[in-house]
């Protein structure tokens, strides 16, 4: 029964890990899509005035292109996304390690040949009489 319980717990941990992996893949796709939409909106907003074809608007477009720093904004966006992803991944790993330690302690507590289990050599609790 202990092996079945261990197997069930390991499958549960694997399923949880797969859930997080798929979540991170979805998150990465969402961040990429949002970045593309954001950049397109910025460019279209700057180009909107050019439709009127007046010299003032062309000059405004020139100033817009001169002042905009797409690389800087994109860098902040990527850094923020990576920071969030790293934090979530690290917390997930910590949680899995603590789950593994709890399961290992539970399994080892029933082993009579481990001094940390608190059992006698024959597998009985100290003070129990047969």
Protein backbone atom coordinates (compact mmCIF):
# COMPACT_ATOMS: atom_id res chain seq x y z
CA UNK A 1 0.00 0.00 0.00
CA UNK A 2 2.87 2.37 0.74
CA UNK A 3 4.22 1.85 -2.76
CA UNK A 4 0.81 2.58 -4.25
CA UNK A 5 0.55 5.76 -2.18
CA UNK A 6 4.06 6.78 -3.25
CA UNK A 7 3.20 6.11 -6.89
CA UNK A 8 0.02 8.16 -6.64
CA UNK A 9 1.89 11.04 -5.01
CA UNK A 10 4.63 10.94 -7.65
CA UNK A 11 2.04 10.98 -10.44
CA UNK A 12 0.33 13.92 -8.74
CA UNK A 13 3.64 15.79 -8.58
CA UNK A 14 4.35 15.02 -12.26
CA UNK A 15 0.90 16.24 -13.27
CA UNK A 16 1.41 19.42 -11.27
CA UNK A 17 4.79 19.99 -12.91
CA UNK A 18 3.24 19.52 -16.36
CA UNK A 19 0.51 22.01 -15.45
CA UNK A 20 3.10 24.63 -14.54
CA UNK A 21 5.15 23.94 -17.67
CA UNK A 22 2.11 24.42 -19.89
CA UNK A 23 1.20 27.55 -17.94
CA UNK A 24 4.64 29.05 -18.56
CA UNK A 25 4.43 28.22 -22.27
CA UNK A 26 1.05 29.94 -22.46
CA UNK A 27 2.39 32.92 -20.50
CA UNK A 28 5.35 33.29 -22.85
CA UNK A 29 3.03 33.24 -25.86
CA UNK A 30 0.75 35.80 -24.24
CA UNK A 31 3.66 38.14 -23.45
CA UNK A 32 4.96 37.88 -27.03
CA UNK A 33 1.50 38.58 -28.45
CA UNK A 34 0.95 41.55 -26.15
CA UNK A 35 4.37 42.98 -27.05
CA UNK A 36 3.60 42.68 -30.77
CA UNK A 37 0.20 44.36 -30.32
CA UNK A 38 1.73 47.12 -28.19
CA UNK A 39 4.46 47.86 -30.73
CA UNK A 40 1.99 47.84 -33.61
CA UNK A 41 -0.30 50.24 -31.75
CA UNK A 42 2.60 52.59 -31.04
CA UNK A 43 3.69 52.63 -34.67
CA UNK A 44 0.15 53.09 -36.00
CA UNK A 45 -0.50 55.88 -33.53
CA UNK A 46 2.59 57.66 -34.81
CA UNK A 47 1.67 57.09 -38.45
CA UNK A 48 -1.95 58.20 -38.08
CA UNK A 49 -1.11 61.86 -38.62
CA UNK A 50 0.78 61.19 -41.85
CA UNK A 51 -2.48 60.40 -43.62
CA UNK A 52 -3.23 64.12 -43.82
CA UNK A 53 0.01 64.70 -45.83
CA UNK A 54 0.81 68.11 -44.44
CA UNK A 55 4.43 69.14 -43.79
CA UNK A 56 3.65 69.69 -40.11
CA UNK A 57 2.49 66.12 -39.75
CA UNK A 58 5.54 64.74 -41.54
CA UNK A 59 7.71 66.81 -39.20
CA UNK A 60 5.70 65.41 -36.26
CA UNK A 61 6.36 61.89 -37.52
CA UNK A 62 10.07 62.66 -37.73
CA UNK A 63 10.07 63.87 -34.13
CA UNK A 64 8.09 60.81 -33.06
CA UNK A 65 10.61 58.44 -34.64
CA UNK A 66 13.45 60.45 -33.16
CA UNK A 67 12.08 60.39 -29.62
CA UNK A 68 10.68 56.88 -29.44
CA UNK A 69 12.95 54.25 -28.00
CA UNK A 70 11.40 50.92 -28.91
CA UNK A 71 14.44 48.99 -27.70
CA UNK A 72 14.24 50.49 -24.23
CA UNK A 73 10.51 49.81 -23.82
CA UNK A 74 10.86 46.30 -25.18
CA UNK A 75 13.80 45.70 -22.84
CA UNK A 76 11.73 46.69 -19.82
CA UNK A 77 8.89 44.49 -21.03
CA UNK A 78 11.15 41.48 -21.51
CA UNK A 79 12.94 42.05 -18.19
CA UNK A 80 9.62 42.26 -16.34
CA UNK A 81 8.32 39.09 -17.99
CA UNK A 82 11.50 37.18 -17.26
CA UNK A 83 11.51 38.38 -13.65
CA UNK A 84 7.96 37.20 -13.11
CA UNK A 85 8.65 33.86 -14.83
CA UNK A 86 11.80 33.29 -12.74
CA UNK A 87 9.99 34.06 -9.49
CA UNK A 88 7.10 31.72 -10.32
CA UNK A 89 9.43 28.94 -11.42
CA UNK A 90 11.57 29.28 -8.28
CA UNK A 91 8.51 29.21 -6.01
CA UNK A 92 7.25 26.13 -7.84
CA UNK A 93 10.58 24.38 -7.34
CA UNK A 94 10.60 25.25 -3.63
CA UNK A 95 7.09 23.87 -3.27
CA UNK A 96 8.00 20.63 -5.07
CA UNK A 97 11.12 20.21 -2.92
CA UNK A 98 9.10 20.64 0.27
CA UNK A 99 6.48 18.15 -1.00
CA UNK A 100 9.21 15.64 -1.81
CA UNK A 101 10.77 16.09 1.63
CA UNK A 102 7.39 15.57 3.31
CA UNK A 103 6.71 12.40 1.30
CA UNK A 104 10.22 11.09 1.92
CA UNK A 105 9.91 11.71 5.65
CA UNK A 106 6.54 9.96 5.67
CA UNK A 107 7.95 6.94 3.83
CA UNK A 108 11.07 6.73 5.98
CA UNK A 109 9.11 7.02 9.21
CA UNK A 110 7.79 3.48 8.64
CA UNK A 111 11.19 1.90 7.97
CA UNK A 112 12.38 -0.06 11.03
CA UNK A 113 16.00 -0.01 9.85
CA UNK A 114 16.28 3.78 9.98
CA UNK A 115 17.19 5.36 13.27
CA UNK A 116 15.08 8.40 12.48
CA UNK A 117 11.87 6.37 12.21
CA UNK A 118 11.65 5.86 15.97
CA UNK A 119 10.68 2.18 15.51
CA UNK A 120 12.29 -0.86 17.06
CA UNK A 121 14.28 -3.32 14.92
CA UNK A 122 11.21 -5.50 14.49
CA UNK A 123 9.09 -2.53 13.28
CA UNK A 124 7.07 -1.95 16.46
CA UNK A 125 6.77 1.28 18.39
CA UNK A 126 8.89 1.59 21.53
CA UNK A 127 6.85 0.57 24.55
CA UNK A 128 4.51 -1.69 22.58
CA UNK A 129 4.36 -5.26 23.73
CA UNK A 130 3.62 -8.06 21.32
